[in-house]
C-alpha atoms as a PDB file:
ATOM      1  CA  MET A   1      48.865 -17.466 -35.440  1.00  0.00           C
ATOM      2  CA  GLU A   2      48.609 -20.029 -31.731  1.00  0.00           C
ATOM      3  CA  LEU A   3      51.725 -20.973 -30.112  1.00  0.00           C
ATOM      4  CA  ALA A   4      51.129 -24.284 -32.082  1.00  0.00           C
ATOM      5  CA  ASP A   5      52.736 -23.205 -34.731  1.00  0.00           C
ATOM      6  CA  LEU A   6      55.939 -20.975 -33.280  1.00  0.00           C
ATOM      7  CA  ASN A   7      59.077 -23.635 -35.086  1.00  0.00           C
ATOM      8  CA  GLU A   8      61.505 -23.995 -32.634  1.00  0.00           C
ATOM      9  CA  ASN A   9      63.878 -21.757 -32.335  1.00  0.00           C
ATOM     10  CA  GLU A  10      60.847 -19.080 -31.733  1.00  0.00           C
ATOM     11  CA  GLN A  11      59.961 -22.264 -29.066  1.00  0.00           C
ATOM     12  CA  ILE A  12      62.705 -22.229 -27.493  1.00  0.00           C
ATOM     13  CA  ALA A  13      62.728 -18.589 -27.384  1.00  0.00           C
ATOM     14  CA  LEU A  14      59.288 -18.348 -25.483  1.00  0.00           C
ATOM     15  CA  ALA A  15      60.618 -21.416 -23.035  1.00  0.00           C
ATOM     16  CA  GLY A  16      64.114 -18.567 -22.614  1.00  0.00           C
ATOM     17  CA  LEU A  17      61.610 -15.949 -21.544  1.00  0.00           C
ATOM     18  CA  ILE A  18      59.218 -17.827 -19.369  1.00  0.00           C
ATOM     19  CA  GLU A  19      62.487 -19.291 -17.394  1.00  0.00           C
ATOM     20  CA  PHE A  20      64.350 -15.739 -17.269  1.00  0.00           C
ATOM     21  CA  VAL A  21      60.934 -13.249 -16.627  1.00  0.00           C
ATOM     22  CA  VAL A  22      58.715 -16.022 -14.665  1.00  0.00           C
ATOM     23  CA  LEU A  23      60.312 -18.464 -13.118  1.00  0.00           C
ATOM     24  CA  ALA A  24      63.034 -15.793 -12.150  1.00  0.00           C
ATOM     25  CA  SER A  25      62.359 -15.606  -8.328  1.00  0.00           C
ATOM     26  CA  GLY A  26      62.268 -19.616  -8.201  1.00  0.00           C
ATOM     27  CA  GLN A  27      58.819 -19.335  -6.379  1.00  0.00           C
ATOM     28  CA  VAL A  28      56.078 -19.403  -8.527  1.00  0.00           C
ATOM     29  CA  THR A  29      53.109 -18.890  -7.816  1.00  0.00           C
ATOM     30  CA  GLU A  30      49.440 -20.566  -8.391  1.00  0.00           C
ATOM     31  CA  ASP A  31      49.071 -17.418 -11.124  1.00  0.00           C
ATOM     32  CA  GLU A  32      51.644 -18.809 -12.610  1.00  0.00           C
ATOM     33  CA  GLN A  33      51.333 -22.550 -12.742  1.00  0.00           C
ATOM     34  CA  LYS A  34      47.927 -21.725 -14.238  1.00  0.00           C
ATOM     35  CA  GLU A  35      49.607 -19.922 -17.065  1.00  0.00           C
ATOM     36  CA  LEU A  36      51.979 -22.096 -17.636  1.00  0.00           C
ATOM     37  CA  ASP A  37      50.738 -25.342 -17.742  1.00  0.00           C
ATOM     38  CA  ALA A  38      48.347 -23.419 -20.375  1.00  0.00           C
ATOM     39  CA  ILE A  39      51.732 -22.444 -22.544  1.00  0.00           C
ATOM     40  CA  ILE A  40      52.422 -25.783 -21.932  1.00  0.00           C
ATOM     41  CA  ASP A  41      49.127 -27.392 -23.086  1.00  0.00           C
ATOM     42  CA  ALA A  42      48.689 -25.099 -25.976  1.00  0.00           C
ATOM     43  CA  LEU A  43      52.439 -26.385 -27.456  1.00  0.00           C
ATOM     44  CA  GLY A  44      52.500 -30.105 -26.284  1.00  0.00           C
ATOM     45  CA  GLU A  45      54.643 -31.150 -23.475  1.00  0.00           C
ATOM     46  CA  ASP A  46      57.028 -32.653 -25.003  1.00  0.00           C
ATOM     47  CA  LYS A  47      58.461 -29.776 -27.445  1.00  0.00           C
ATOM     48  CA  TYR A  48      57.874 -27.062 -24.548  1.00  0.00           C
ATOM     49  CA  ARG A  49      60.650 -29.981 -22.380  1.00  0.00           C
ATOM     50  CA  ALA A  50      62.575 -29.944 -25.158  1.00  0.00           C
ATOM     51  CA  ALA A  51      63.074 -25.764 -25.137  1.00  0.00           C
ATOM     52  CA  VAL A  52      63.208 -26.141 -22.044  1.00  0.00           C
ATOM     53  CA  ASP A  53      65.987 -28.494 -21.916  1.00  0.00           C
ATOM     54  CA  GLN A  54      68.223 -25.867 -25.107  1.00  0.00           C
ATOM     55  CA  VAL A  55      67.108 -22.839 -23.173  1.00  0.00           C
ATOM     56  CA  ASP A  56      69.396 -24.629 -20.521  1.00  0.00           C
ATOM     57  CA  GLN A  57      72.034 -25.707 -22.122  1.00  0.00           C
ATOM     58  CA  ARG A  58      72.300 -23.062 -24.413  1.00  0.00           C
ATOM     59  CA  PHE A  59      71.136 -19.565 -23.025  1.00  0.00           C
ATOM     60  CA  GLU A  60      74.236 -19.325 -19.503  1.00  0.00           C
ATOM     61  CA  ASP A  61      73.238 -15.452 -18.431  1.00  0.00           C
ATOM     62  CA  GLU A  62      70.498 -13.069 -20.435  1.00  0.00           C
ATOM     63  CA  LYS A  63      73.526 -11.418 -22.684  1.00  0.00           C
ATOM     64  CA  SER A  64      73.392 -14.921 -24.386  1.00  0.00           C
ATOM     65  CA  LEU A  65      69.046 -15.566 -24.127  1.00  0.00           C
ATOM     66  CA  ARG A  66      69.285 -11.429 -25.230  1.00  0.00           C
ATOM     67  CA  ALA A  67      71.754 -12.419 -28.909  1.00  0.00           C
ATOM     68  CA  PHE A  68      69.314 -15.604 -29.444  1.00  0.00           C
ATOM     69  CA  LEU A  69      66.349 -13.655 -29.095  1.00  0.00           C
ATOM     70  CA  GLY A  70      67.866 -10.518 -31.514  1.00  0.00           C
ATOM     71  CA  ALA A  71      67.446 -13.653 -34.415  1.00  0.00           C
ATOM     72  CA  ILE A  72      63.500 -14.151 -34.413  1.00  0.00           C
ATOM     73  CA  GLU A  73      62.135 -12.477 -36.976  1.00  0.00           C
ATOM     74  CA  ARG A  74      58.283 -13.819 -37.890  1.00  0.00           C
ATOM     75  CA  GLN A  75      56.759 -10.148 -36.008  1.00  0.00           C
ATOM     76  CA  ASP A  76      52.984 -12.499 -35.542  1.00  0.00           C
ATOM     77  CA  ALA A  77      55.005 -15.108 -33.425  1.00  0.00           C
ATOM     78  CA  ARG A  78      57.411 -12.437 -31.663  1.00  0.00           C
ATOM     79  CA  GLU A  79      54.114 -10.740 -30.679  1.00  0.00           C
ATOM     80  CA  LEU A  80      52.601 -13.784 -29.554  1.00  0.00           C
ATOM     81  CA  ILE A  81      55.343 -14.577 -27.640  1.00  0.00           C
ATOM     82  CA  TYR A  82      56.253 -11.365 -25.905  1.00  0.00           C
ATOM     83  CA  GLY A  83      52.499 -11.084 -25.108  1.00  0.00           C
ATOM     84  CA  THR A  84      52.457 -14.771 -23.153  1.00  0.00           C
ATOM     85  CA  VAL A  85      55.240 -13.600 -21.438  1.00  0.00           C
ATOM     86  CA  MET A  86      53.862 -10.641 -20.140  1.00  0.00           C
ATOM     87  CA  GLU A  87      49.979 -12.420 -20.083  1.00  0.00           C
ATOM     88  CA  ALA A  88      52.392 -15.403 -17.788  1.00  0.00           C
ATOM     89  CA  ALA A  89      54.769 -12.596 -15.803  1.00  0.00           C
ATOM     90  CA  MET A  90      51.657  -9.737 -14.974  1.00  0.00           C
ATOM     91  CA  THR A  91      50.281 -12.786 -12.658  1.00  0.00           C
ATOM     92  CA  ASP A  92      52.218 -11.702 -10.424  1.00  0.00           C
ATOM     93  CA  THR A  93      54.772  -8.210  -9.633  1.00  0.00           C
ATOM     94  CA  VAL A  94      57.809  -7.971 -12.584  1.00  0.00           C
ATOM     95  CA  GLU A  95      60.841  -7.630 -11.137  1.00  0.00           C
ATOM     96  CA  GLY A  96      63.132  -5.368 -11.977  1.00  0.00           C
ATOM     97  CA  ARG A  97      65.705  -7.398 -13.848  1.00  0.00           C
ATOM     98  CA  GLU A  98      62.786  -8.646 -15.573  1.00  0.00           C
ATOM     99  CA  SER A  99      60.699  -5.303 -16.716  1.00  0.00           C
ATOM    100  CA  ALA A 100      63.938  -4.130 -17.744  1.00  0.00           C
ATOM    101  CA  LEU A 101      64.859  -7.479 -20.967  1.00  0.00           C
ATOM    102  CA  LEU A 102      61.009  -7.072 -21.446  1.00  0.00           C
ATOM    103  CA  GLU A 103      61.174  -3.305 -22.981  1.00  0.00           C
ATOM    104  CA  TRP A 104      64.082  -3.959 -24.457  1.00  0.00           C
ATOM    105  CA  LEU A 105      62.969  -6.925 -25.934  1.00  0.00           C
ATOM    106  CA  ALA A 106      59.914  -4.585 -27.417  1.00  0.00           C
ATOM    107  CA  ASP A 107      61.768  -2.165 -28.327  1.00  0.00           C
ATOM    108  CA  VAL A 108      64.105  -5.025 -30.545  1.00  0.00           C
ATOM    109  CA  TRP A 109      61.549  -6.686 -31.993  1.00  0.00           C
ATOM    110  CA  LYS A 110      59.349  -3.713 -32.176  1.00  0.00           C
ATOM    111  CA  ILE A 111      56.018  -3.923 -30.296  1.00  0.00           C
ATOM    112  CA  GLU A 112      53.903  -1.592 -29.383  1.00  0.00           C
ATOM    113  CA  VAL A 113      53.525  -1.864 -25.374  1.00  0.00           C
ATOM    114  CA  THR A 114      49.805  -1.193 -24.282  1.00  0.00           C
ATOM    115  CA  TYR A 115      48.459  -1.159 -21.301  1.00  0.00           C
ATOM    116  CA  ASP A 116      44.549  -1.705 -20.312  1.00  0.00           C
ATOM    117  CA  ALA A 117      44.043   1.167 -17.796  1.00  0.00           C
ATOM    118  CA  PRO A 118      41.988  -0.570 -14.352  1.00  0.00           C
ATOM    119  CA  GLU A 119      38.409  -0.948 -13.992  1.00  0.00           C
ATOM    120  CA  GLY A 120      37.375   2.012 -12.540  1.00  0.00           C
ATOM    121  CA  ASP A 121      39.500   3.770 -12.918  1.00  0.00           C
ATOM    122  CA  GLU A 122      38.251   7.069 -14.181  1.00  0.00           C
ATOM    123  CA  HIS A 123      41.026   8.336 -15.061  1.00  0.00           C
ATOM    124  CA  THR A 124      42.220   7.744 -19.545  1.00  0.00           C
END
């Protein structure tokens, strides 16, 4: 599955997570912008903008986003969305609130999160 295969609700979920996790700081690093550009390219600019508009209209806070995210059912879409958001988030420091949201989401969406050891790390 690819980002272009996401249905409308899944696109909204992706845009909402990007807004709450990656764009929450109000400052976008160069690496974050590259990740965001790749997401927009993969979805298509019109679909991404429509999803962002829905996020702005429907989710006034994290609680309302969480309620919506629980309704995303396709596991392959969940894994793709989660992985995409994590990849974008990991280009910068993930703050406590954003980290808590991602941990909650991994639990609700039943996603096993694994981290690769840093290159050169002998302790595996």
